[in-house]
């Protein structure tokens, strides 16, 4: 019987090879969304790992922060960072500035990967983020907000360009930390919570069980629940296990664009909190659209109103 550690790198390798044609589709607000195959995500995750290690000096179990929406680049970071042995630290962009400042300092993040559209949030914090040495920017957004920063600014695409598309992922201890989130709404300062490779792997298997979400490679999941919130309920990892296509809304979380992407991209599953569904219901009541492709929704965070 095989005895192998349950590592995120194994999920990545499996998804990008066995389910290489499955897709991560990122909504852009343009006539066509951006589509990237699992095979491409796997190759780019390897390139990102090389860049983090060789260019930015990420070593050991160092924390690498992300300040990002749900999109393909965030999925690449989801796999690259823990697979190389570092710890993915997703920053909750809904938290107030003082808490984000505390969290980054407490985690001692040296590298922050951020979406360009979130630079107006990040830029005012940077003078107070004494540990941050590098900011990697992905996607559209005004870079001038970072002018004069003490941190070096890198373009995501430039950073990974030309890097090898394969990586010799290390054989880690499955109980090693893979990702971390910080609490909100608690007494005192936020507290860091760590997820091990093993816990993420086992949770992903549970998500894919028939009694849970039970999705297959014939499904497309609209992942509205944020990637900075409890690992997006495990969907980025679970989908790579079974080849489920992912539809990522990026910053377009308002009812109107969500209704449009459901009608156009025809997801069979969606995951979000009740407030999202209430807003979408109001939108569809006022402006009906064809959302008949949805056969299952996953709701969490609070009880769904009747």
C-alpha atoms as a PDB file:
ATOM      1  CA  UNK A   1       0.000   0.000   0.000  1.00  0.00           C
ATOM      2  CA  UNK A   2       1.297   3.443  -0.858  1.00  0.00           C
ATOM      3  CA  UNK A   3       2.097   5.741   2.035  1.00  0.00           C
ATOM      4  CA  UNK A   4       2.585   9.301   0.815  1.00  0.00           C
ATOM      5  CA  UNK A   5       2.171  12.657   2.556  1.00  0.00           C
ATOM      6  CA  UNK A   6      -1.063  14.490   1.801  1.00  0.00           C
ATOM      7  CA  UNK A   7       0.363  17.615   0.201  1.00  0.00           C
ATOM      8  CA  UNK A   8      -1.144  20.481  -1.766  1.00  0.00           C
ATOM      9  CA  UNK A   9       1.507  19.927  -4.437  1.00  0.00           C
ATOM     10  CA  UNK A  10      -0.067  16.516  -5.097  1.00  0.00           C
ATOM     11  CA  UNK A  11      -3.448  18.154  -5.655  1.00  0.00           C
ATOM     12  CA  UNK A  12      -1.822  20.628  -8.039  1.00  0.00           C
ATOM     13  CA  UNK A  13       0.043  17.945  -9.984  1.00  0.00           C
ATOM     14  CA  UNK A  14      -3.072  15.782 -10.237  1.00  0.00           C
ATOM     15  CA  UNK A  15      -5.347  18.617 -11.355  1.00  0.00           C
ATOM     16  CA  UNK A  16      -2.962  20.115 -13.890  1.00  0.00           C
ATOM     17  CA  UNK A  17      -2.256  16.735 -15.525  1.00  0.00           C
ATOM     18  CA  UNK A  18      -5.338  14.517 -15.157  1.00  0.00           C
ATOM     19  CA  UNK A  19      -7.766  17.441 -15.440  1.00  0.00           C
ATOM     20  CA  UNK A  20      -5.541  19.727 -17.485  1.00  0.00           C
ATOM     21  CA  UNK A  21      -8.321  20.826 -19.843  1.00  0.00           C
ATOM     22  CA  UNK A  22     -10.624  22.032 -17.053  1.00  0.00           C
ATOM     23  CA  UNK A  23     -10.710  25.805 -16.786  1.00  0.00           C
ATOM     24  CA  UNK A  24     -10.501  28.712 -14.395  1.00  0.00           C
ATOM     25  CA  UNK A  25     -12.612  31.481 -15.915  1.00  0.00           C
ATOM     26  CA  UNK A  26     -12.133  34.973 -14.466  1.00  0.00           C
ATOM     27  CA  UNK A  27     -14.838  37.580 -15.039  1.00  0.00           C
ATOM     28  CA  UNK A  28     -13.302  40.808 -16.310  1.00  0.00           C
ATOM     29  CA  UNK A  29     -16.288  43.020 -17.032  1.00  0.00           C
ATOM     30  CA  UNK A  30     -15.309  42.869 -20.706  1.00  0.00           C
ATOM     31  CA  UNK A  31     -17.199  41.117 -23.526  1.00  0.00           C
ATOM     32  CA  UNK A  32     -15.076  38.000 -22.953  1.00  0.00           C
ATOM     33  CA  UNK A  33     -13.861  36.674 -19.596  1.00  0.00           C
ATOM     34  CA  UNK A  34     -10.302  35.422 -19.188  1.00  0.00           C
ATOM     35  CA  UNK A  35      -9.949  31.652 -19.495  1.00  0.00           C
ATOM     36  CA  UNK A  36      -7.014  29.581 -18.263  1.00  0.00           C
ATOM     37  CA  UNK A  37      -6.757  25.786 -18.250  1.00  0.00           C
ATOM     38  CA  UNK A  38      -5.726  23.824 -15.171  1.00  0.00           C
ATOM     39  CA  UNK A  39      -2.590  22.835 -17.093  1.00  0.00           C
ATOM     40  CA  UNK A  40      -1.755  26.510 -17.609  1.00  0.00           C
ATOM     41  CA  UNK A  41      -2.462  27.292 -13.957  1.00  0.00           C
ATOM     42  CA  UNK A  42      -0.107  24.482 -12.952  1.00  0.00           C
ATOM     43  CA  UNK A  43       2.662  25.774 -15.210  1.00  0.00           C
ATOM     44  CA  UNK A  44       2.232  29.349 -13.996  1.00  0.00           C
ATOM     45  CA  UNK A  45       2.171  28.210 -10.357  1.00  0.00           C
ATOM     46  CA  UNK A  46       5.583  26.635 -10.963  1.00  0.00           C
ATOM     47  CA  UNK A  47       6.809  29.888 -12.517  1.00  0.00           C
ATOM     48  CA  UNK A  48       5.523  31.861  -9.534  1.00  0.00           C
ATOM     49  CA  UNK A  49       7.280  29.505  -7.121  1.00  0.00           C
ATOM     50  CA  UNK A  50      10.560  29.971  -8.992  1.00  0.00           C
ATOM     51  CA  UNK A  51      10.144  33.757  -8.922  1.00  0.00           C
ATOM     52  CA  UNK A  52       9.343  33.840  -5.218  1.00  0.00           C
ATOM     53  CA  UNK A  53      12.310  31.625  -4.363  1.00  0.00           C
ATOM     54  CA  UNK A  54      14.928  32.920  -6.777  1.00  0.00           C
ATOM     55  CA  UNK A  55      14.034  36.597  -7.206  1.00  0.00           C
ATOM     56  CA  UNK A  56      12.350  37.531  -3.930  1.00  0.00           C
ATOM     57  CA  UNK A  57      14.225  35.169  -1.620  1.00  0.00           C
ATOM     58  CA  UNK A  58      11.225  33.417  -0.084  1.00  0.00           C
ATOM     59  CA  UNK A  59      12.626  30.552   1.977  1.00  0.00           C
ATOM     60  CA  UNK A  60      11.503  27.928   4.468  1.00  0.00           C
ATOM     61  CA  UNK A  61       8.067  28.382   5.989  1.00  0.00           C
ATOM     62  CA  UNK A  62       7.994  32.114   5.341  1.00  0.00           C
ATOM     63  CA  UNK A  63       4.599  33.750   5.013  1.00  0.00           C
ATOM     64  CA  UNK A  64       3.598  35.242   1.647  1.00  0.00           C
ATOM     65  CA  UNK A  65       0.533  37.487   1.747  1.00  0.00           C
ATOM     66  CA  UNK A  66      -2.153  37.930  -0.889  1.00  0.00           C
ATOM     67  CA  UNK A  67      -4.528  40.889  -1.120  1.00  0.00           C
ATOM     68  CA  UNK A  68      -6.624  39.646  -3.990  1.00  0.00           C
ATOM     69  CA  UNK A  69     -10.077  38.946  -5.340  1.00  0.00           C
ATOM     70  CA  UNK A  70     -11.124  35.520  -6.591  1.00  0.00           C
ATOM     71  CA  UNK A  71      -9.274  35.071  -9.884  1.00  0.00           C
ATOM     72  CA  UNK A  72      -6.873  32.773 -11.723  1.00  0.00           C
ATOM     73  CA  UNK A  73      -3.753  34.485 -10.376  1.00  0.00           C
ATOM     74  CA  UNK A  74      -4.990  33.983  -6.825  1.00  0.00           C
ATOM     75  CA  UNK A  75      -5.484  30.289  -7.585  1.00  0.00           C
ATOM     76  CA  UNK A  76      -1.889  30.153  -8.833  1.00  0.00           C
ATOM     77  CA  UNK A  77      -0.705  31.664  -5.553  1.00  0.00           C
ATOM     78  CA  UNK A  78      -2.963  29.246  -3.636  1.00  0.00           C
ATOM     79  CA  UNK A  79      -0.960  26.353  -5.038  1.00  0.00           C
ATOM     80  CA  UNK A  80       2.517  27.796  -5.589  1.00  0.00           C
ATOM     81  CA  UNK A  81       3.144  29.213  -2.125  1.00  0.00           C
ATOM     82  CA  UNK A  82       2.315  26.180   0.060  1.00  0.00           C
ATOM     83  CA  UNK A  83       3.623  23.676  -2.494  1.00  0.00           C
ATOM     84  CA  UNK A  84       7.089  25.260  -2.314  1.00  0.00           C
ATOM     85  CA  UNK A  85       7.014  25.003   1.486  1.00  0.00           C
ATOM     86  CA  UNK A  86       6.026  28.580   2.348  1.00  0.00           C
ATOM     87  CA  UNK A  87       2.744  29.624   3.983  1.00  0.00           C
ATOM     88  CA  UNK A  88      -0.063  31.311   2.059  1.00  0.00           C
ATOM     89  CA  UNK A  89      -1.394  34.242   4.092  1.00  0.00           C
ATOM     90  CA  UNK A  90      -4.648  35.544   2.628  1.00  0.00           C
ATOM     91  CA  UNK A  91      -5.466  39.074   3.794  1.00  0.00           C
ATOM     92  CA  UNK A  92      -9.113  39.879   4.441  1.00  0.00           C
ATOM     93  CA  UNK A  93      -9.687  43.057   2.442  1.00  0.00           C
ATOM     94  CA  UNK A  94     -12.882  43.745   4.420  1.00  0.00           C
ATOM     95  CA  UNK A  95     -10.975  44.394   7.654  1.00  0.00           C
ATOM     96  CA  UNK A  96     -10.247  47.944   8.863  1.00  0.00           C
ATOM     97  CA  UNK A  97      -6.833  49.452   8.171  1.00  0.00           C
ATOM     98  CA  UNK A  98      -5.523  49.127  11.728  1.00  0.00           C
ATOM     99  CA  UNK A  99      -6.297  45.413  11.813  1.00  0.00           C
ATOM    100  CA  UNK A 100      -4.688  44.780   8.415  1.00  0.00           C
ATOM    101  CA  UNK A 101      -1.594  46.652   9.590  1.00  0.00           C
ATOM    102  CA  UNK A 102      -1.425  44.545  12.738  1.00  0.00           C
ATOM    103  CA  UNK A 103      -1.959  41.299  10.831  1.00  0.00           C
ATOM    104  CA  UNK A 104       0.792  41.911   8.273  1.00  0.00           C
ATOM    105  CA  UNK A 105       3.226  42.891  11.003  1.00  0.00           C
ATOM    106  CA  UNK A 106       2.294  39.982  13.249  1.00  0.00           C
ATOM    107  CA  UNK A 107       2.739  37.507  10.387  1.00  0.00           C
ATOM    108  CA  UNK A 108       5.991  39.246   9.358  1.00  0.00           C
ATOM    109  CA  UNK A 109       5.000  39.212   5.685  1.00  0.00           C
ATOM    110  CA  UNK A 110       7.897  40.285   3.435  1.00  0.00           C
ATOM    111  CA  UNK A 111       6.034  39.753   0.167  1.00  0.00           C
ATOM    112  CA  UNK A 112       2.496  40.881  -0.680  1.00  0.00           C
ATOM    113  CA  UNK A 113       0.823  39.856  -3.936  1.00  0.00           C
ATOM    114  CA  UNK A 114      -1.979  42.315  -4.671  1.00  0.00           C
ATOM    115  CA  UNK A 115      -4.529  42.976  -7.370  1.00  0.00           C
ATOM    116  CA  UNK A 116      -4.102  46.349  -9.042  1.00  0.00           C
ATOM    117  CA  UNK A 117      -7.683  47.299  -8.228  1.00  0.00           C
ATOM    118  CA  UNK A 118      -6.850  46.978  -4.512  1.00  0.00           C
ATOM    119  CA  UNK A 119      -3.830  49.293  -4.528  1.00  0.00           C
ATOM    120  CA  UNK A 120      -5.925  52.206  -3.157  1.00  0.00           C
ATOM    121  CA  UNK A 121      -6.457  50.000  -0.094  1.00  0.00           C
ATOM    122  CA  UNK A 122      -2.849  48.825   0.177  1.00  0.00           C
ATOM    123  CA  UNK A 123      -0.963  52.052  -0.591  1.00  0.00           C
ATOM    124  CA  UNK A 124      -1.968  54.025   2.549  1.00  0.00           C
ATOM    125  CA  UNK A 125      -0.998  51.040   4.700  1.00  0.00           C
ATOM    126  CA  UNK A 126       2.475  50.522   3.238  1.00  0.00           C
ATOM    127  CA  UNK A 127       4.291  53.179   5.320  1.00  0.00           C
ATOM    128  CA  UNK A 128       3.151  51.244   8.397  1.00  0.00           C
ATOM    129  CA  UNK A 129       4.002  47.775   7.037  1.00  0.00           C
ATOM    130  CA  UNK A 130       7.605  47.682   8.186  1.00  0.00           C
ATOM    131  CA  UNK A 131       8.186  44.016   7.312  1.00  0.00           C
ATOM    132  CA  UNK A 132       7.032  44.305   3.681  1.00  0.00           C
ATOM    133  CA  UNK A 133       9.916  44.445   1.188  1.00  0.00           C
ATOM    134  CA  UNK A 134       8.185  43.438  -2.056  1.00  0.00           C
ATOM    135  CA  UNK A 135       4.768  44.141  -3.577  1.00  0.00           C
ATOM    136  CA  UNK A 136       3.792  42.067  -6.614  1.00  0.00           C
ATOM    137  CA  UNK A 137       0.931  43.631  -8.591  1.00  0.00           C
ATOM    138  CA  UNK A 138      -1.442  41.641 -10.790  1.00  0.00           C
ATOM    139  CA  UNK A 139      -4.145  42.908 -13.114  1.00  0.00           C
ATOM    140  CA  UNK A 140      -5.418  46.394 -13.984  1.00  0.00           C
ATOM    141  CA  UNK A 141      -5.056  49.290 -11.579  1.00  0.00           C
ATOM    142  CA  UNK A 142      -3.213  52.574 -11.106  1.00  0.00           C
ATOM    143  CA  UNK A 143       0.361  51.765 -10.040  1.00  0.00           C
ATOM    144  CA  UNK A 144       1.118  55.407  -9.231  1.00  0.00           C
ATOM    145  CA  UNK A 145      -0.480  54.806  -5.836  1.00  0.00           C
ATOM    146  CA  UNK A 146       2.706  52.928  -4.878  1.00  0.00           C
ATOM    147  CA  UNK A 147       5.145  55.643  -5.948  1.00  0.00           C
ATOM    148  CA  UNK A 148       7.576  56.540  -3.184  1.00  0.00           C
ATOM    149  CA  UNK A 149       6.959  53.304  -1.311  1.00  0.00           C
ATOM    150  CA  UNK A 150       9.836  51.711   0.593  1.00  0.00           C
ATOM    151  CA  UNK A 151       8.861  48.352  -0.921  1.00  0.00           C
ATOM    152  CA  UNK A 152      10.042  47.206  -4.334  1.00  0.00           C
ATOM    153  CA  UNK A 153       7.152  46.931  -6.783  1.00  0.00           C
ATOM    154  CA  UNK A 154       7.028  44.079  -9.312  1.00  0.00           C
ATOM    155  CA  UNK A 155       4.606  43.295 -12.120  1.00  0.00           C
ATOM    156  CA  UNK A 156       3.237  39.775 -11.680  1.00  0.00           C
ATOM    157  CA  UNK A 157       3.501  38.861 -15.356  1.00  0.00           C
ATOM    158  CA  UNK A 158       7.015  40.285 -15.684  1.00  0.00           C
ATOM    159  CA  UNK A 159       8.134  38.478 -12.545  1.00  0.00           C
ATOM    160  CA  UNK A 160       7.091  35.016 -13.718  1.00  0.00           C
ATOM    161  CA  UNK A 161       7.961  35.508 -17.404  1.00  0.00           C
ATOM    162  CA  UNK A 162      10.632  33.129 -18.634  1.00  0.00           C
ATOM    163  CA  UNK A 163      10.676  31.049 -15.460  1.00  0.00           C
ATOM    164  CA  UNK A 164      10.558  27.231 -15.798  1.00  0.00           C
ATOM    165  CA  UNK A 165       7.051  25.804 -16.045  1.00  0.00           C
ATOM    166  CA  UNK A 166       7.928  22.853 -13.825  1.00  0.00           C
ATOM    167  CA  UNK A 167       9.100  22.827 -10.212  1.00  0.00           C
ATOM    168  CA  UNK A 168      10.619  20.103  -8.083  1.00  0.00           C
ATOM    169  CA  UNK A 169       8.066  20.408  -5.305  1.00  0.00           C
ATOM    170  CA  UNK A 170       9.642  19.378  -1.978  1.00  0.00           C
ATOM    171  CA  UNK A 171       8.418  16.358  -0.012  1.00  0.00           C
ATOM    172  CA  UNK A 172       7.103  18.223   3.015  1.00  0.00           C
ATOM    173  CA  UNK A 173       5.675  17.020   6.305  1.00  0.00           C
ATOM    174  CA  UNK A 174       1.923  16.830   5.692  1.00  0.00           C
ATOM    175  CA  UNK A 175       1.334  18.402   9.116  1.00  0.00           C
ATOM    176  CA  UNK A 176       3.328  21.468   8.131  1.00  0.00           C
ATOM    177  CA  UNK A 177       1.386  24.730   7.869  1.00  0.00           C
ATOM    178  CA  UNK A 178       0.148  25.459   4.349  1.00  0.00           C
ATOM    179  CA  UNK A 179      -2.018  28.542   4.782  1.00  0.00           C
ATOM    180  CA  UNK A 180      -3.164  30.965   7.420  1.00  0.00           C
ATOM    181  CA  UNK A 181      -6.081  33.297   8.004  1.00  0.00           C
ATOM    182  CA  UNK A 182      -6.692  35.782  10.796  1.00  0.00           C
ATOM    183  CA  UNK A 183      -9.889  35.997  12.791  1.00  0.00           C
ATOM    184  CA  UNK A 184     -12.244  38.956  12.767  1.00  0.00           C
ATOM    185  CA  UNK A 185     -14.866  40.140  15.213  1.00  0.00           C
ATOM    186  CA  UNK A 186     -13.080  38.763  18.273  1.00  0.00           C
ATOM    187  CA  UNK A 187     -12.040  40.512  21.468  1.00  0.00           C
ATOM    188  CA  UNK A 188      -8.642  42.154  21.114  1.00  0.00           C
ATOM    189  CA  UNK A 189      -6.345  41.798  18.133  1.00  0.00           C
ATOM    190  CA  UNK A 190      -7.036  39.256  15.347  1.00  0.00           C
ATOM    191  CA  UNK A 191      -5.607  35.788  15.894  1.00  0.00           C
ATOM    192  CA  UNK A 192      -3.827  33.731  13.268  1.00  0.00           C
ATOM    193  CA  UNK A 193      -5.238  30.318  12.389  1.00  0.00           C
ATOM    194  CA  UNK A 194      -3.089  27.797  10.519  1.00  0.00           C
ATOM    195  CA  UNK A 195      -4.229  25.076   8.122  1.00  0.00           C
ATOM    196  CA  UNK A 196      -1.935  22.111   7.497  1.00  0.00           C
ATOM    197  CA  UNK A 197      -1.423  20.391   4.157  1.00  0.00           C
ATOM    198  CA  UNK A 198      -3.116  17.324   5.620  1.00  0.00           C
ATOM    199  CA  UNK A 199      -6.182  19.205   6.861  1.00  0.00           C
ATOM    200  CA  UNK A 200      -6.668  20.956   3.505  1.00  0.00           C
ATOM    201  CA  UNK A 201      -6.248  17.680   1.593  1.00  0.00           C
ATOM    202  CA  UNK A 202      -8.759  15.824   3.761  1.00  0.00           C
ATOM    203  CA  UNK A 203     -11.214  18.719   3.682  1.00  0.00           C
ATOM    204  CA  UNK A 204     -10.999  18.810  -0.118  1.00  0.00           C
ATOM    205  CA  UNK A 205     -11.861  15.116  -0.248  1.00  0.00           C
ATOM    206  CA  UNK A 206     -14.847  15.745   2.014  1.00  0.00           C
ATOM    207  CA  UNK A 207     -16.060  18.628  -0.174  1.00  0.00           C
ATOM    208  CA  UNK A 208     -16.111  16.266  -3.141  1.00  0.00           C
ATOM    209  CA  UNK A 209     -18.157  13.562  -1.415  1.00  0.00           C
ATOM    210  CA  UNK A 210     -21.684  12.969  -2.652  1.00  0.00           C
ATOM    211  CA  UNK A 211     -23.102  13.915   0.755  1.00  0.00           C
ATOM    212  CA  UNK A 212     -21.323  17.268   0.519  1.00  0.00           C
ATOM    213  CA  UNK A 213     -21.039  19.290  -2.703  1.00  0.00           C
ATOM    214  CA  UNK A 214     -20.490  16.173  -4.810  1.00  0.00           C
ATOM    215  CA  UNK A 215     -19.200  18.013  -7.867  1.00  0.00           C
ATOM    216  CA  UNK A 216     -17.633  16.358 -10.934  1.00  0.00           C
ATOM    217  CA  UNK A 217     -15.696  17.393 -14.022  1.00  0.00           C
ATOM    218  CA  UNK A 218     -19.048  18.004 -15.713  1.00  0.00           C
ATOM    219  CA  UNK A 219     -19.748  20.879 -13.310  1.00  0.00           C
ATOM    220  CA  UNK A 220     -18.768  24.528 -13.221  1.00  0.00           C
ATOM    221  CA  UNK A 221     -18.646  26.171  -9.804  1.00  0.00           C
ATOM    222  CA  UNK A 222     -19.172  29.905  -9.358  1.00  0.00           C
ATOM    223  CA  UNK A 223     -16.889  30.614  -6.395  1.00  0.00           C
ATOM    224  CA  UNK A 224     -18.261  33.788  -4.835  1.00  0.00           C
ATOM    225  CA  UNK A 225     -17.119  33.010  -1.288  1.00  0.00           C
ATOM    226  CA  UNK A 226     -13.810  34.904  -0.991  1.00  0.00           C
ATOM    227  CA  UNK A 227     -10.497  33.128  -1.251  1.00  0.00           C
ATOM    228  CA  UNK A 228      -9.448  35.133   1.815  1.00  0.00           C
ATOM    229  CA  UNK A 229     -12.245  33.511   3.842  1.00  0.00           C
ATOM    230  CA  UNK A 230     -11.469  29.999   5.161  1.00  0.00           C
ATOM    231  CA  UNK A 231      -9.826  28.936   1.901  1.00  0.00           C
ATOM    232  CA  UNK A 232     -12.973  29.719  -0.116  1.00  0.00           C
ATOM    233  CA  UNK A 233     -14.645  26.771   1.613  1.00  0.00           C
ATOM    234  CA  UNK A 234     -12.001  24.503   0.090  1.00  0.00           C
ATOM    235  CA  UNK A 235     -13.221  24.905  -3.486  1.00  0.00           C
ATOM    236  CA  UNK A 236      -9.937  25.876  -5.209  1.00  0.00           C
ATOM    237  CA  UNK A 237      -8.319  22.693  -3.906  1.00  0.00           C
ATOM    238  CA  UNK A 238     -11.366  20.443  -4.273  1.00  0.00           C
ATOM    239  CA  UNK A 239     -11.911  21.443  -7.901  1.00  0.00           C
ATOM    240  CA  UNK A 240      -8.347  20.466  -8.816  1.00  0.00           C
ATOM    241  CA  UNK A 241      -9.022  17.041  -7.319  1.00  0.00           C
ATOM    242  CA  UNK A 242     -12.024  16.323  -9.524  1.00  0.00           C
ATOM    243  CA  UNK A 243     -11.668  18.656 -12.512  1.00  0.00           C
ATOM    244  CA  UNK A 244     -14.573  20.953 -11.682  1.00  0.00           C
ATOM    245  CA  UNK A 245     -14.379  24.140 -13.753  1.00  0.00           C
ATOM    246  CA  UNK A 246     -14.142  27.329 -11.696  1.00  0.00           C
ATOM    247  CA  UNK A 247     -15.897  30.595 -12.520  1.00  0.00           C
ATOM    248  CA  UNK A 248     -14.227  33.411 -10.568  1.00  0.00           C
ATOM    249  CA  UNK A 249     -16.046  36.765 -10.217  1.00  0.00           C
ATOM    250  CA  UNK A 250     -12.947  38.862  -9.397  1.00  0.00           C
ATOM    251  CA  UNK A 251     -14.218  42.229  -8.060  1.00  0.00           C
ATOM    252  CA  UNK A 252     -17.615  41.941  -9.769  1.00  0.00           C
ATOM    253  CA  UNK A 253     -19.653  40.840  -6.761  1.00  0.00           C
ATOM    254  CA  UNK A 254     -22.683  43.053  -7.308  1.00  0.00           C
ATOM    255  CA  UNK A 255     -26.039  41.414  -8.168  1.00  0.00           C
ATOM    256  CA  UNK A 256     -26.142  42.614 -11.802  1.00  0.00           C
ATOM    257  CA  UNK A 257     -22.758  41.204 -12.932  1.00  0.00           C
ATOM    258  CA  UNK A 258     -23.354  37.991 -10.983  1.00  0.00           C
ATOM    259  CA  UNK A 259     -26.670  37.504 -12.785  1.00  0.00           C
ATOM    260  CA  UNK A 260     -24.980  38.179 -16.115  1.00  0.00           C
ATOM    261  CA  UNK A 261     -22.138  35.733 -15.525  1.00  0.00           C
ATOM    262  CA  UNK A 262     -24.561  32.989 -14.482  1.00  0.00           C
ATOM    263  CA  UNK A 263     -26.622  33.524 -17.634  1.00  0.00           C
ATOM    264  CA  UNK A 264     -23.582  33.660 -19.934  1.00  0.00           C
ATOM    265  CA  UNK A 265     -21.236  31.083 -18.378  1.00  0.00           C
ATOM    266  CA  UNK A 266     -23.904  28.594 -17.199  1.00  0.00           C
ATOM    267  CA  UNK A 267     -22.414  27.394 -13.882  1.00  0.00           C
ATOM    268  CA  UNK A 268     -24.114  24.398 -12.287  1.00  0.00           C
ATOM    269  CA  UNK A 269     -23.043  25.241  -8.732  1.00  0.00           C
ATOM    270  CA  UNK A 270     -22.380  28.392  -6.744  1.00  0.00           C
ATOM    271  CA  UNK A 271     -21.092  29.107  -3.254  1.00  0.00           C
ATOM    272  CA  UNK A 272     -21.814  32.321  -1.344  1.00  0.00           C
ATOM    273  CA  UNK A 273     -23.213  33.789   1.857  1.00  0.00           C
ATOM    274  CA  UNK A 274     -26.953  34.620   2.204  1.00  0.00           C
ATOM    275  CA  UNK A 275     -26.518  38.357   1.542  1.00  0.00           C
ATOM    276  CA  UNK A 276     -25.227  37.556  -1.947  1.00  0.00           C
ATOM    277  CA  UNK A 277     -28.261  35.398  -2.693  1.00  0.00           C
ATOM    278  CA  UNK A 278     -30.661  37.998  -1.328  1.00  0.00           C
ATOM    279  CA  UNK A 279     -29.138  40.650  -3.574  1.00  0.00           C
ATOM    280  CA  UNK A 280     -29.230  38.321  -6.567  1.00  0.00           C
ATOM    281  CA  UNK A 281     -32.867  37.450  -5.894  1.00  0.00           C
ATOM    282  CA  UNK A 282     -33.764  41.132  -5.912  1.00  0.00           C
ATOM    283  CA  UNK A 283     -31.877  41.654  -9.179  1.00  0.00           C
ATOM    284  CA  UNK A 284     -33.566  38.698 -10.877  1.00  0.00           C
ATOM    285  CA  UNK A 285     -36.982  39.800  -9.645  1.00  0.00           C
ATOM    286  CA  UNK A 286     -36.466  43.232 -11.200  1.00  0.00           C
ATOM    287  CA  UNK A 287     -34.632  42.028 -14.325  1.00  0.00           C
ATOM    288  CA  UNK A 288     -35.262  38.337 -15.038  1.00  0.00           C
ATOM    289  CA  UNK A 289     -32.413  36.323 -16.586  1.00  0.00           C
ATOM    290  CA  UNK A 290     -31.921  32.673 -17.429  1.00  0.00           C
ATOM    291  CA  UNK A 291     -30.153  31.151 -14.426  1.00  0.00           C
ATOM    292  CA  UNK A 292     -31.582  27.679 -14.967  1.00  0.00           C
ATOM    293  CA  UNK A 293     -28.106  26.120 -15.234  1.00  0.00           C
ATOM    294  CA  UNK A 294     -27.723  26.348 -11.451  1.00  0.00           C
ATOM    295  CA  UNK A 295     -28.736  23.057  -9.887  1.00  0.00           C
ATOM    296  CA  UNK A 296     -27.031  23.470  -6.516  1.00  0.00           C
ATOM    297  CA  UNK A 297     -26.010  26.342  -4.267  1.00  0.00           C
ATOM    298  CA  UNK A 298     -23.890  26.142  -1.141  1.00  0.00           C
ATOM    299  CA  UNK A 299     -24.710  28.649   1.584  1.00  0.00           C
ATOM    300  CA  UNK A 300     -22.731  29.386   4.733  1.00  0.00           C
ATOM    301  CA  UNK A 301     -21.701  32.106   7.137  1.00  0.00           C
ATOM    302  CA  UNK A 302     -25.182  32.605   8.562  1.00  0.00           C
ATOM    303  CA  UNK A 303     -28.619  31.060   8.399  1.00  0.00           C
ATOM    304  CA  UNK A 304     -30.437  31.548   5.124  1.00  0.00           C
ATOM    305  CA  UNK A 305     -33.637  33.559   5.588  1.00  0.00           C
ATOM    306  CA  UNK A 306     -36.867  31.878   4.456  1.00  0.00           C
END
